[in-house]
C-alpha atoms as a PDB file:
ATOM      1  CA  UNK A   1      16.986  54.392 -11.601  1.00  0.00           C
ATOM      2  CA  UNK A   2      19.904  52.386 -10.198  1.00  0.00           C
ATOM      3  CA  UNK A   3      21.861  49.707 -12.061  1.00  0.00           C
ATOM      4  CA  UNK A   4      20.142  46.841 -10.193  1.00  0.00           C
ATOM      5  CA  UNK A   5      16.670  47.910 -11.281  1.00  0.00           C
ATOM      6  CA  UNK A   6      17.887  48.483 -14.842  1.00  0.00           C
ATOM      7  CA  UNK A   7      19.391  44.985 -14.944  1.00  0.00           C
ATOM      8  CA  UNK A   8      16.157  43.455 -13.659  1.00  0.00           C
ATOM      9  CA  UNK A   9      14.014  45.277 -16.200  1.00  0.00           C
ATOM     10  CA  UNK A  10      16.371  44.295 -19.007  1.00  0.00           C
ATOM     11  CA  UNK A  11      16.243  40.630 -17.932  1.00  0.00           C
ATOM     12  CA  UNK A  12      12.419  40.713 -17.766  1.00  0.00           C
ATOM     13  CA  UNK A  13      12.037  42.292 -21.206  1.00  0.00           C
ATOM     14  CA  UNK A  14      14.631  40.123 -22.966  1.00  0.00           C
ATOM     15  CA  UNK A  15      13.094  36.888 -21.642  1.00  0.00           C
ATOM     16  CA  UNK A  16       9.411  37.799 -22.018  1.00  0.00           C
ATOM     17  CA  UNK A  17       8.798  37.650 -18.277  1.00  0.00           C
ATOM     18  CA  UNK A  18       6.274  39.212 -15.922  1.00  0.00           C
ATOM     19  CA  UNK A  19       7.318  40.457 -12.496  1.00  0.00           C
ATOM     20  CA  UNK A  20       5.603  38.435  -9.794  1.00  0.00           C
ATOM     21  CA  UNK A  21       3.263  40.297  -7.455  1.00  0.00           C
ATOM     22  CA  UNK A  22       2.002  38.473  -4.353  1.00  0.00           C
ATOM     23  CA  UNK A  23      -0.515  40.033  -1.957  1.00  0.00           C
ATOM     24  CA  UNK A  24      -0.095  43.374  -3.737  1.00  0.00           C
ATOM     25  CA  UNK A  25       3.669  43.300  -3.078  1.00  0.00           C
ATOM     26  CA  UNK A  26       6.242  43.369  -5.861  1.00  0.00           C
ATOM     27  CA  UNK A  27       8.750  40.563  -5.481  1.00  0.00           C
ATOM     28  CA  UNK A  28      12.254  39.926  -6.750  1.00  0.00           C
ATOM     29  CA  UNK A  29      10.928  37.144  -8.955  1.00  0.00           C
ATOM     30  CA  UNK A  30       9.536  36.931 -12.465  1.00  0.00           C
ATOM     31  CA  UNK A  31       7.493  34.265 -14.229  1.00  0.00           C
ATOM     32  CA  UNK A  32       7.087  33.026 -17.785  1.00  0.00           C
ATOM     33  CA  UNK A  33       3.829  31.678 -19.320  1.00  0.00           C
ATOM     34  CA  UNK A  34       5.598  28.358 -19.953  1.00  0.00           C
ATOM     35  CA  UNK A  35       5.607  27.770 -16.189  1.00  0.00           C
ATOM     36  CA  UNK A  36       9.109  28.898 -15.279  1.00  0.00           C
ATOM     37  CA  UNK A  37      10.019  31.027 -12.260  1.00  0.00           C
ATOM     38  CA  UNK A  38      13.163  33.179 -12.112  1.00  0.00           C
ATOM     39  CA  UNK A  39      14.991  35.055  -9.394  1.00  0.00           C
ATOM     40  CA  UNK A  40      15.710  38.707 -10.177  1.00  0.00           C
ATOM     41  CA  UNK A  41      18.589  38.650  -7.702  1.00  0.00           C
ATOM     42  CA  UNK A  42      20.822  36.084  -9.409  1.00  0.00           C
ATOM     43  CA  UNK A  43      18.816  35.848 -12.678  1.00  0.00           C
ATOM     44  CA  UNK A  44      18.577  32.052 -12.406  1.00  0.00           C
ATOM     45  CA  UNK A  45      15.578  29.765 -12.738  1.00  0.00           C
ATOM     46  CA  UNK A  46      13.996  28.612  -9.482  1.00  0.00           C
ATOM     47  CA  UNK A  47      13.460  24.882  -9.993  1.00  0.00           C
ATOM     48  CA  UNK A  48      11.630  23.977  -6.789  1.00  0.00           C
ATOM     49  CA  UNK A  49      10.862  20.559  -5.317  1.00  0.00           C
ATOM     50  CA  UNK A  50       8.544  18.051  -6.953  1.00  0.00           C
ATOM     51  CA  UNK A  51       6.146  16.250  -4.647  1.00  0.00           C
ATOM     52  CA  UNK A  52       5.129  12.817  -5.924  1.00  0.00           C
ATOM     53  CA  UNK A  53       2.031  13.129  -8.101  1.00  0.00           C
ATOM     54  CA  UNK A  54       1.094  16.457  -6.541  1.00  0.00           C
ATOM     55  CA  UNK A  55       2.922  19.638  -7.531  1.00  0.00           C
ATOM     56  CA  UNK A  56       6.182  21.565  -7.675  1.00  0.00           C
ATOM     57  CA  UNK A  57       6.806  23.569  -4.507  1.00  0.00           C
ATOM     58  CA  UNK A  58       9.026  26.633  -4.364  1.00  0.00           C
ATOM     59  CA  UNK A  59      10.304  28.774  -1.493  1.00  0.00           C
ATOM     60  CA  UNK A  60      10.542  32.479  -2.246  1.00  0.00           C
ATOM     61  CA  UNK A  61      11.531  35.508  -0.199  1.00  0.00           C
ATOM     62  CA  UNK A  62       8.852  38.182   0.120  1.00  0.00           C
ATOM     63  CA  UNK A  63       9.704  41.289   2.142  1.00  0.00           C
ATOM     64  CA  UNK A  64      12.392  39.394   4.014  1.00  0.00           C
ATOM     65  CA  UNK A  65      10.200  36.390   4.853  1.00  0.00           C
ATOM     66  CA  UNK A  66      10.501  32.911   3.341  1.00  0.00           C
ATOM     67  CA  UNK A  67       7.178  31.636   2.021  1.00  0.00           C
ATOM     68  CA  UNK A  68       6.241  28.384   0.316  1.00  0.00           C
ATOM     69  CA  UNK A  69       3.930  28.151  -2.719  1.00  0.00           C
ATOM     70  CA  UNK A  70       3.218  25.757  -5.513  1.00  0.00           C
ATOM     71  CA  UNK A  71       4.736  27.027  -8.736  1.00  0.00           C
ATOM     72  CA  UNK A  72       1.377  26.533 -10.429  1.00  0.00           C
ATOM     73  CA  UNK A  73      -0.214  28.959  -7.961  1.00  0.00           C
ATOM     74  CA  UNK A  74       2.356  31.662  -8.744  1.00  0.00           C
ATOM     75  CA  UNK A  75       1.989  31.204 -12.508  1.00  0.00           C
ATOM     76  CA  UNK A  76      -1.798  31.412 -12.249  1.00  0.00           C
ATOM     77  CA  UNK A  77      -1.528  34.435  -9.966  1.00  0.00           C
ATOM     78  CA  UNK A  78       0.516  36.280 -12.576  1.00  0.00           C
ATOM     79  CA  UNK A  79      -1.426  35.415 -15.714  1.00  0.00           C
ATOM     80  CA  UNK A  80      -4.955  34.215 -14.933  1.00  0.00           C
ATOM     81  CA  UNK A  81      -7.707  36.407 -13.520  1.00  0.00           C
ATOM     82  CA  UNK A  82      -9.774  34.807 -10.764  1.00  0.00           C
ATOM     83  CA  UNK A  83     -13.526  34.567 -11.555  1.00  0.00           C
ATOM     84  CA  UNK A  84     -14.231  35.560  -7.936  1.00  0.00           C
ATOM     85  CA  UNK A  85     -12.601  35.649  -4.492  1.00  0.00           C
ATOM     86  CA  UNK A  86     -13.710  32.045  -3.839  1.00  0.00           C
ATOM     87  CA  UNK A  87     -11.410  30.720  -6.569  1.00  0.00           C
ATOM     88  CA  UNK A  88      -8.189  30.073  -4.649  1.00  0.00           C
ATOM     89  CA  UNK A  89      -7.142  26.618  -5.879  1.00  0.00           C
ATOM     90  CA  UNK A  90      -5.207  25.886  -9.064  1.00  0.00           C
ATOM     91  CA  UNK A  91      -6.154  22.866 -11.156  1.00  0.00           C
ATOM     92  CA  UNK A  92      -3.933  21.240 -13.808  1.00  0.00           C
ATOM     93  CA  UNK A  93      -6.256  20.684 -16.756  1.00  0.00           C
ATOM     94  CA  UNK A  94      -4.386  17.789 -18.392  1.00  0.00           C
ATOM     95  CA  UNK A  95      -3.857  15.955 -15.098  1.00  0.00           C
ATOM     96  CA  UNK A  96      -0.064  16.396 -15.138  1.00  0.00           C
ATOM     97  CA  UNK A  97       0.603  18.255 -11.890  1.00  0.00           C
ATOM     98  CA  UNK A  98       4.135  19.124 -12.979  1.00  0.00           C
ATOM     99  CA  UNK A  99       3.007  20.875 -16.180  1.00  0.00           C
ATOM    100  CA  UNK A 100       2.727  24.482 -14.979  1.00  0.00           C
ATOM    101  CA  UNK A 101       2.261  26.047 -18.405  1.00  0.00           C
ATOM    102  CA  UNK A 102      -0.356  28.781 -18.055  1.00  0.00           C
ATOM    103  CA  UNK A 103      -2.490  27.077 -20.731  1.00  0.00           C
ATOM    104  CA  UNK A 104      -2.729  24.031 -18.451  1.00  0.00           C
ATOM    105  CA  UNK A 105      -3.933  25.924 -15.384  1.00  0.00           C
ATOM    106  CA  UNK A 106      -7.276  27.190 -14.158  1.00  0.00           C
ATOM    107  CA  UNK A 107      -8.638  28.622 -10.931  1.00  0.00           C
ATOM    108  CA  UNK A 108     -11.185  26.540  -9.014  1.00  0.00           C
ATOM    109  CA  UNK A 109     -13.127  26.733  -5.793  1.00  0.00           C
ATOM    110  CA  UNK A 110     -12.268  24.378  -2.932  1.00  0.00           C
ATOM    111  CA  UNK A 111     -15.293  22.187  -3.731  1.00  0.00           C
ATOM    112  CA  UNK A 112     -14.357  21.650  -7.374  1.00  0.00           C
ATOM    113  CA  UNK A 113     -10.676  21.262  -6.587  1.00  0.00           C
ATOM    114  CA  UNK A 114     -11.454  18.453  -4.130  1.00  0.00           C
ATOM    115  CA  UNK A 115     -13.503  16.655  -6.770  1.00  0.00           C
ATOM    116  CA  UNK A 116     -10.907  17.216  -9.483  1.00  0.00           C
ATOM    117  CA  UNK A 117      -7.790  16.948  -7.334  1.00  0.00           C
ATOM    118  CA  UNK A 118      -5.296  14.227  -6.517  1.00  0.00           C
ATOM    119  CA  UNK A 119      -7.204  12.487  -3.745  1.00  0.00           C
ATOM    120  CA  UNK A 120      -9.638  10.131  -5.437  1.00  0.00           C
ATOM    121  CA  UNK A 121      -9.840   6.661  -3.951  1.00  0.00           C
ATOM    122  CA  UNK A 122     -10.495   3.634  -6.129  1.00  0.00           C
ATOM    123  CA  UNK A 123     -12.122   0.662  -4.373  1.00  0.00           C
ATOM    124  CA  UNK A 124     -12.271  -2.724  -6.128  1.00  0.00           C
ATOM    125  CA  UNK A 125     -13.584  -6.039  -4.852  1.00  0.00           C
ATOM    126  CA  UNK A 126     -16.528  -8.404  -4.736  1.00  0.00           C
ATOM    127  CA  UNK A 127     -19.398  -6.464  -6.345  1.00  0.00           C
ATOM    128  CA  UNK A 128     -17.863  -3.027  -5.800  1.00  0.00           C
ATOM    129  CA  UNK A 129     -16.045  -1.082  -8.531  1.00  0.00           C
ATOM    130  CA  UNK A 130     -16.210   2.599  -7.633  1.00  0.00           C
ATOM    131  CA  UNK A 131     -14.150   5.747  -7.239  1.00  0.00           C
ATOM    132  CA  UNK A 132     -14.696   8.086  -4.281  1.00  0.00           C
ATOM    133  CA  UNK A 133     -13.446  11.653  -4.005  1.00  0.00           C
ATOM    134  CA  UNK A 134     -11.879  11.169  -0.575  1.00  0.00           C
ATOM    135  CA  UNK A 135     -10.744   8.606   1.972  1.00  0.00           C
ATOM    136  CA  UNK A 136     -13.646   9.645   4.196  1.00  0.00           C
ATOM    137  CA  UNK A 137     -16.271   8.901   1.534  1.00  0.00           C
ATOM    138  CA  UNK A 138     -14.660   5.564   0.728  1.00  0.00           C
ATOM    139  CA  UNK A 139     -14.607   4.593   4.417  1.00  0.00           C
ATOM    140  CA  UNK A 140     -18.217   5.725   4.919  1.00  0.00           C
ATOM    141  CA  UNK A 141     -19.407   3.595   2.042  1.00  0.00           C
ATOM    142  CA  UNK A 142     -17.365   0.590   3.146  1.00  0.00           C
ATOM    143  CA  UNK A 143     -18.849   0.900   6.639  1.00  0.00           C
ATOM    144  CA  UNK A 144     -22.276   0.085   5.148  1.00  0.00           C
ATOM    145  CA  UNK A 145     -21.073  -3.241   3.725  1.00  0.00           C
ATOM    146  CA  UNK A 146     -18.212  -4.194   6.048  1.00  0.00           C
ATOM    147  CA  UNK A 147     -18.071  -5.682   9.525  1.00  0.00           C
ATOM    148  CA  UNK A 148     -15.810  -2.837  10.661  1.00  0.00           C
ATOM    149  CA  UNK A 149     -16.892   0.553  12.025  1.00  0.00           C
ATOM    150  CA  UNK A 150     -16.254   3.767  10.105  1.00  0.00           C
ATOM    151  CA  UNK A 151     -13.280   4.970  12.182  1.00  0.00           C
ATOM    152  CA  UNK A 152     -11.543   1.606  11.895  1.00  0.00           C
ATOM    153  CA  UNK A 153     -12.123   1.548   8.150  1.00  0.00           C
ATOM    154  CA  UNK A 154     -10.807   5.091   7.765  1.00  0.00           C
ATOM    155  CA  UNK A 155      -7.534   4.035   9.398  1.00  0.00           C
ATOM    156  CA  UNK A 156      -7.378   0.923   7.219  1.00  0.00           C
ATOM    157  CA  UNK A 157      -8.052   2.923   4.037  1.00  0.00           C
ATOM    158  CA  UNK A 158      -5.246   5.312   4.953  1.00  0.00           C
ATOM    159  CA  UNK A 159      -2.832   2.421   5.569  1.00  0.00           C
ATOM    160  CA  UNK A 160      -3.815   0.728   2.292  1.00  0.00           C
ATOM    161  CA  UNK A 161      -3.167   3.920   0.328  1.00  0.00           C
ATOM    162  CA  UNK A 162       0.315   4.091   1.872  1.00  0.00           C
ATOM    163  CA  UNK A 163       0.944   0.434   1.000  1.00  0.00           C
ATOM    164  CA  UNK A 164       1.147  -0.624   4.655  1.00  0.00           C
ATOM    165  CA  UNK A 165      -1.600  -3.252   4.234  1.00  0.00           C
ATOM    166  CA  UNK A 166      -2.737  -5.156   1.147  1.00  0.00           C
ATOM    167  CA  UNK A 167      -6.508  -4.701   1.383  1.00  0.00           C
ATOM    168  CA  UNK A 168      -9.386  -3.389   3.473  1.00  0.00           C
ATOM    169  CA  UNK A 169     -11.697  -6.221   4.470  1.00  0.00           C
ATOM    170  CA  UNK A 170     -11.073  -7.926   1.124  1.00  0.00           C
ATOM    171  CA  UNK A 171     -11.275  -4.759  -0.995  1.00  0.00           C
ATOM    172  CA  UNK A 172      -8.390  -3.298  -3.005  1.00  0.00           C
ATOM    173  CA  UNK A 173      -7.943   0.403  -2.197  1.00  0.00           C
ATOM    174  CA  UNK A 174      -5.923   2.453  -4.682  1.00  0.00           C
ATOM    175  CA  UNK A 175      -4.999   6.153  -4.796  1.00  0.00           C
ATOM    176  CA  UNK A 176      -5.733   7.526  -8.249  1.00  0.00           C
ATOM    177  CA  UNK A 177      -5.302  10.960  -9.798  1.00  0.00           C
ATOM    178  CA  UNK A 178      -8.409  10.979 -11.974  1.00  0.00           C
ATOM    179  CA  UNK A 179     -10.259  14.139 -12.974  1.00  0.00           C
ATOM    180  CA  UNK A 180     -13.788  12.886 -13.410  1.00  0.00           C
ATOM    181  CA  UNK A 181     -17.092  12.448 -11.599  1.00  0.00           C
ATOM    182  CA  UNK A 182     -17.264  11.460  -7.937  1.00  0.00           C
ATOM    183  CA  UNK A 183     -18.045   7.872  -8.869  1.00  0.00           C
ATOM    184  CA  UNK A 184     -17.471   6.233 -12.234  1.00  0.00           C
ATOM    185  CA  UNK A 185     -17.527   2.723 -13.562  1.00  0.00           C
ATOM    186  CA  UNK A 186     -14.037   1.274 -13.130  1.00  0.00           C
ATOM    187  CA  UNK A 187     -14.335  -1.201 -15.995  1.00  0.00           C
ATOM    188  CA  UNK A 188     -15.184   1.704 -18.317  1.00  0.00           C
ATOM    189  CA  UNK A 189     -12.204   3.641 -16.984  1.00  0.00           C
ATOM    190  CA  UNK A 190      -9.743   0.804 -17.560  1.00  0.00           C
ATOM    191  CA  UNK A 191     -10.945  -0.599 -20.851  1.00  0.00           C
ATOM    192  CA  UNK A 192     -12.345   2.527 -22.509  1.00  0.00           C
ATOM    193  CA  UNK A 193     -10.552   2.773 -25.849  1.00  0.00           C
ATOM    194  CA  UNK A 194     -11.463   6.357 -26.708  1.00  0.00           C
ATOM    195  CA  UNK A 195      -8.623   8.743 -27.460  1.00  0.00           C
ATOM    196  CA  UNK A 196      -9.540  10.956 -24.499  1.00  0.00           C
ATOM    197  CA  UNK A 197      -9.218   8.217 -21.883  1.00  0.00           C
ATOM    198  CA  UNK A 198      -6.578   9.256 -19.354  1.00  0.00           C
ATOM    199  CA  UNK A 199      -5.554   5.720 -18.358  1.00  0.00           C
ATOM    200  CA  UNK A 200      -5.374   2.482 -20.305  1.00  0.00           C
ATOM    201  CA  UNK A 201      -5.036  -1.075 -19.154  1.00  0.00           C
ATOM    202  CA  UNK A 202      -1.407  -2.018 -19.855  1.00  0.00           C
ATOM    203  CA  UNK A 203      -1.196  -3.937 -23.152  1.00  0.00           C
ATOM    204  CA  UNK A 204       1.932  -5.378 -24.756  1.00  0.00           C
ATOM    205  CA  UNK A 205       2.377  -7.934 -27.544  1.00  0.00           C
ATOM    206  CA  UNK A 206      -1.118  -9.362 -27.237  1.00  0.00           C
ATOM    207  CA  UNK A 207      -1.222  -9.496 -23.432  1.00  0.00           C
ATOM    208  CA  UNK A 208      -3.099  -7.371 -20.887  1.00  0.00           C
ATOM    209  CA  UNK A 209      -1.252  -6.803 -17.623  1.00  0.00           C
ATOM    210  CA  UNK A 210      -2.679  -5.784 -14.198  1.00  0.00           C
ATOM    211  CA  UNK A 211      -1.252  -2.282 -14.588  1.00  0.00           C
ATOM    212  CA  UNK A 212      -2.410   1.125 -15.790  1.00  0.00           C
ATOM    213  CA  UNK A 213      -0.574   3.350 -18.260  1.00  0.00           C
ATOM    214  CA  UNK A 214      -1.169   7.062 -18.747  1.00  0.00           C
ATOM    215  CA  UNK A 215      -0.406   9.397 -21.644  1.00  0.00           C
ATOM    216  CA  UNK A 216       2.707  10.700 -19.891  1.00  0.00           C
ATOM    217  CA  UNK A 217       4.437   7.310 -19.865  1.00  0.00           C
ATOM    218  CA  UNK A 218       3.793   6.464 -16.216  1.00  0.00           C
ATOM    219  CA  UNK A 219       2.906   2.917 -15.185  1.00  0.00           C
ATOM    220  CA  UNK A 220       0.885   2.001 -12.070  1.00  0.00           C
ATOM    221  CA  UNK A 221       0.250  -1.365 -10.456  1.00  0.00           C
ATOM    222  CA  UNK A 222      -3.353  -2.449  -9.886  1.00  0.00           C
ATOM    223  CA  UNK A 223      -2.185  -5.100  -7.445  1.00  0.00           C
ATOM    224  CA  UNK A 224      -0.208  -2.861  -5.096  1.00  0.00           C
ATOM    225  CA  UNK A 225      -2.635  -0.004  -4.415  1.00  0.00           C
ATOM    226  CA  UNK A 226      -1.811   1.989  -7.536  1.00  0.00           C
ATOM    227  CA  UNK A 227       1.925   2.092  -6.760  1.00  0.00           C
ATOM    228  CA  UNK A 228       3.915   3.839  -9.479  1.00  0.00           C
ATOM    229  CA  UNK A 229       6.355   1.467 -11.163  1.00  0.00           C
ATOM    230  CA  UNK A 230       9.901   2.797 -11.264  1.00  0.00           C
ATOM    231  CA  UNK A 231      11.446   2.207 -14.697  1.00  0.00           C
ATOM    232  CA  UNK A 232      15.011   1.085 -15.305  1.00  0.00           C
ATOM    233  CA  UNK A 233      17.467   2.027 -18.037  1.00  0.00           C
ATOM    234  CA  UNK A 234      18.055  -0.079 -21.142  1.00  0.00           C
ATOM    235  CA  UNK A 235      21.262  -0.051 -23.220  1.00  0.00           C
ATOM    236  CA  UNK A 236      20.085   2.698 -25.599  1.00  0.00           C
ATOM    237  CA  UNK A 237      19.255   5.011 -22.666  1.00  0.00           C
ATOM    238  CA  UNK A 238      15.554   4.224 -23.065  1.00  0.00           C
ATOM    239  CA  UNK A 239      13.334   3.094 -20.221  1.00  0.00           C
ATOM    240  CA  UNK A 240      11.787  -0.289 -19.483  1.00  0.00           C
ATOM    241  CA  UNK A 241       9.632  -1.737 -16.706  1.00  0.00           C
ATOM    242  CA  UNK A 242       9.234  -5.181 -15.185  1.00  0.00           C
ATOM    243  CA  UNK A 243       5.616  -6.346 -15.311  1.00  0.00           C
ATOM    244  CA  UNK A 244       4.267  -9.462 -13.602  1.00  0.00           C
ATOM    245  CA  UNK A 245       1.592 -11.675 -15.107  1.00  0.00           C
ATOM    246  CA  UNK A 246       0.632 -15.210 -14.058  1.00  0.00           C
ATOM    247  CA  UNK A 247       3.750 -15.559 -11.885  1.00  0.00           C
ATOM    248  CA  UNK A 248       6.009 -14.561 -14.783  1.00  0.00           C
ATOM    249  CA  UNK A 249       8.011 -11.336 -15.096  1.00  0.00           C
ATOM    250  CA  UNK A 250       8.188  -9.553 -18.440  1.00  0.00           C
ATOM    251  CA  UNK A 251      10.693  -6.793 -19.269  1.00  0.00           C
ATOM    252  CA  UNK A 252       8.745  -4.278 -21.346  1.00  0.00           C
ATOM    253  CA  UNK A 253      10.001  -1.101 -23.105  1.00  0.00           C
ATOM    254  CA  UNK A 254       7.961   1.822 -21.805  1.00  0.00           C
ATOM    255  CA  UNK A 255       7.612   3.452 -25.228  1.00  0.00           C
ATOM    256  CA  UNK A 256       6.175   0.237 -26.691  1.00  0.00           C
ATOM    257  CA  UNK A 257       3.875  -0.161 -23.703  1.00  0.00           C
ATOM    258  CA  UNK A 258       2.469   3.361 -24.115  1.00  0.00           C
ATOM    259  CA  UNK A 259       2.074   3.053 -27.881  1.00  0.00           C
ATOM    260  CA  UNK A 260       0.389  -0.353 -27.741  1.00  0.00           C
ATOM    261  CA  UNK A 261      -1.813   0.417 -24.728  1.00  0.00           C
ATOM    262  CA  UNK A 262      -3.169   3.545 -26.427  1.00  0.00           C
ATOM    263  CA  UNK A 263      -3.337   1.758 -29.789  1.00  0.00           C
ATOM    264  CA  UNK A 264      -1.230   4.470 -31.421  1.00  0.00           C
ATOM    265  CA  UNK A 265      -1.975   4.703 -35.129  1.00  0.00           C
ATOM    266  CA  UNK A 266       0.577   3.253 -37.575  1.00  0.00           C
ATOM    267  CA  UNK A 267       1.192   4.660 -41.054  1.00  0.00           C
ATOM    268  CA  UNK A 268       2.126   1.133 -42.084  1.00  0.00           C
ATOM    269  CA  UNK A 269       0.935  -2.033 -40.328  1.00  0.00           C
ATOM    270  CA  UNK A 270       4.445  -3.474 -40.644  1.00  0.00           C
ATOM    271  CA  UNK A 271       6.014  -0.720 -38.547  1.00  0.00           C
ATOM    272  CA  UNK A 272       7.124  -2.148 -35.210  1.00  0.00           C
ATOM    273  CA  UNK A 273       9.742   0.221 -33.763  1.00  0.00           C
ATOM    274  CA  UNK A 274       9.278   3.465 -31.875  1.00  0.00           C
ATOM    275  CA  UNK A 275      10.905   6.827 -32.607  1.00  0.00           C
ATOM    276  CA  UNK A 276      10.992   9.653 -30.035  1.00  0.00           C
ATOM    277  CA  UNK A 277      10.197  12.950 -31.753  1.00  0.00           C
ATOM    278  CA  UNK A 278      12.509  15.025 -29.550  1.00  0.00           C
ATOM    279  CA  UNK A 279      15.233  12.300 -29.623  1.00  0.00           C
ATOM    280  CA  UNK A 280      14.958  11.916 -25.852  1.00  0.00           C
ATOM    281  CA  UNK A 281      14.508   8.174 -25.341  1.00  0.00           C
ATOM    282  CA  UNK A 282      13.385   8.754 -21.762  1.00  0.00           C
ATOM    283  CA  UNK A 283      10.467  10.978 -22.800  1.00  0.00           C
ATOM    284  CA  UNK A 284       7.663   8.451 -23.296  1.00  0.00           C
ATOM    285  CA  UNK A 285       4.745  10.811 -23.577  1.00  0.00           C
ATOM    286  CA  UNK A 286       2.270   9.521 -26.151  1.00  0.00           C
ATOM    287  CA  UNK A 287       2.595  12.821 -28.051  1.00  0.00           C
ATOM    288  CA  UNK A 288       6.359  12.254 -28.355  1.00  0.00           C
ATOM    289  CA  UNK A 289       6.150   8.823 -30.010  1.00  0.00           C
ATOM    290  CA  UNK A 290       5.574   7.548 -33.531  1.00  0.00           C
ATOM    291  CA  UNK A 291       5.962   4.230 -35.313  1.00  0.00           C
ATOM    292  CA  UNK A 292       8.839   3.509 -37.713  1.00  0.00           C
ATOM    293  CA  UNK A 293      10.087   0.426 -39.583  1.00  0.00           C
END
C-alpha cells in the first residue's frame, strides 16, 4: 500500500467519512453524513456552486472525466439505499435545498419529485387562488378562463415567473417552493398559524405586509412574483429588509420579522429583543432565535 492510499484512508477514518462510489467506480472523493464533500487529492472540502432556491452543484473528476452532480445526490448515493431503480431524484425533506444533511434527504421517483420539487406555480387573481405543479398546468387552466390561447399563456407565465411582466391577463403568477398537494387553498397557506406551516404572511409590530416569510429567514414579495427580498446589513451586523405597505417603506429587522410572523413563544410577555443562539446575527432561522429582555 503506497503512501497516497495510506494518507487517504487515514483522512477518511479520522473525519468519519465514506469514500464516494459513483456508477460502481471508486472516486477520489469522500462524503460526510452532514452533507459535506471532500477531495482525497488535496484533502479539502468541495464547496460547489449554489443555484438560487434549487441546489448546490459540484463538479468532480471520475476516471479522468469532469462530471456535474448536485451535492445532495452524492450524499444520498453514499448513505441512502434506493427503494427501487425508479427512485433517481433526491428530495430535501425540510424544503431547504441547501441543507444536504443525510437526515434531510430521501429518494423519490420523477413523478413525486415533480410534485414536491421547486417548480410549483402560484396563481392569484379574481376568483382564483390556486397552486399548480408546473407552468404547463397553470397555463392549461388559465386557457379555460382567459381570452388567450394555451401557447400564448405558457409564454406569458414563463415571463411572469422571471419578472419580465407583472401579470398574466390580470392574474399574479408567482414561483413558489412548496412541498404540498398539487392544488391547495392559498389563503390557508398564507394565514395558517400552525407550527408546521412553511410560510407565514409577514407580520411586524401589528401590521401584515404583502410578503411571505419562511422558517429559514427568507422573505418573498407577493407583489413581484415571489421575488426574494435581498436583506441589508444593520450596524450590529444583523440583517434588515425594506418592506412596502400603503406607499410607505418600513425598515424591518429580519430576526424580529421571523419571530413575530411565526408568533414565537415568549417566556415573558415583556421580552421584546431577539437573541441568536449561535451568536451569528445573520442566521435568522426560527430555530436559532429566542426572546430576551
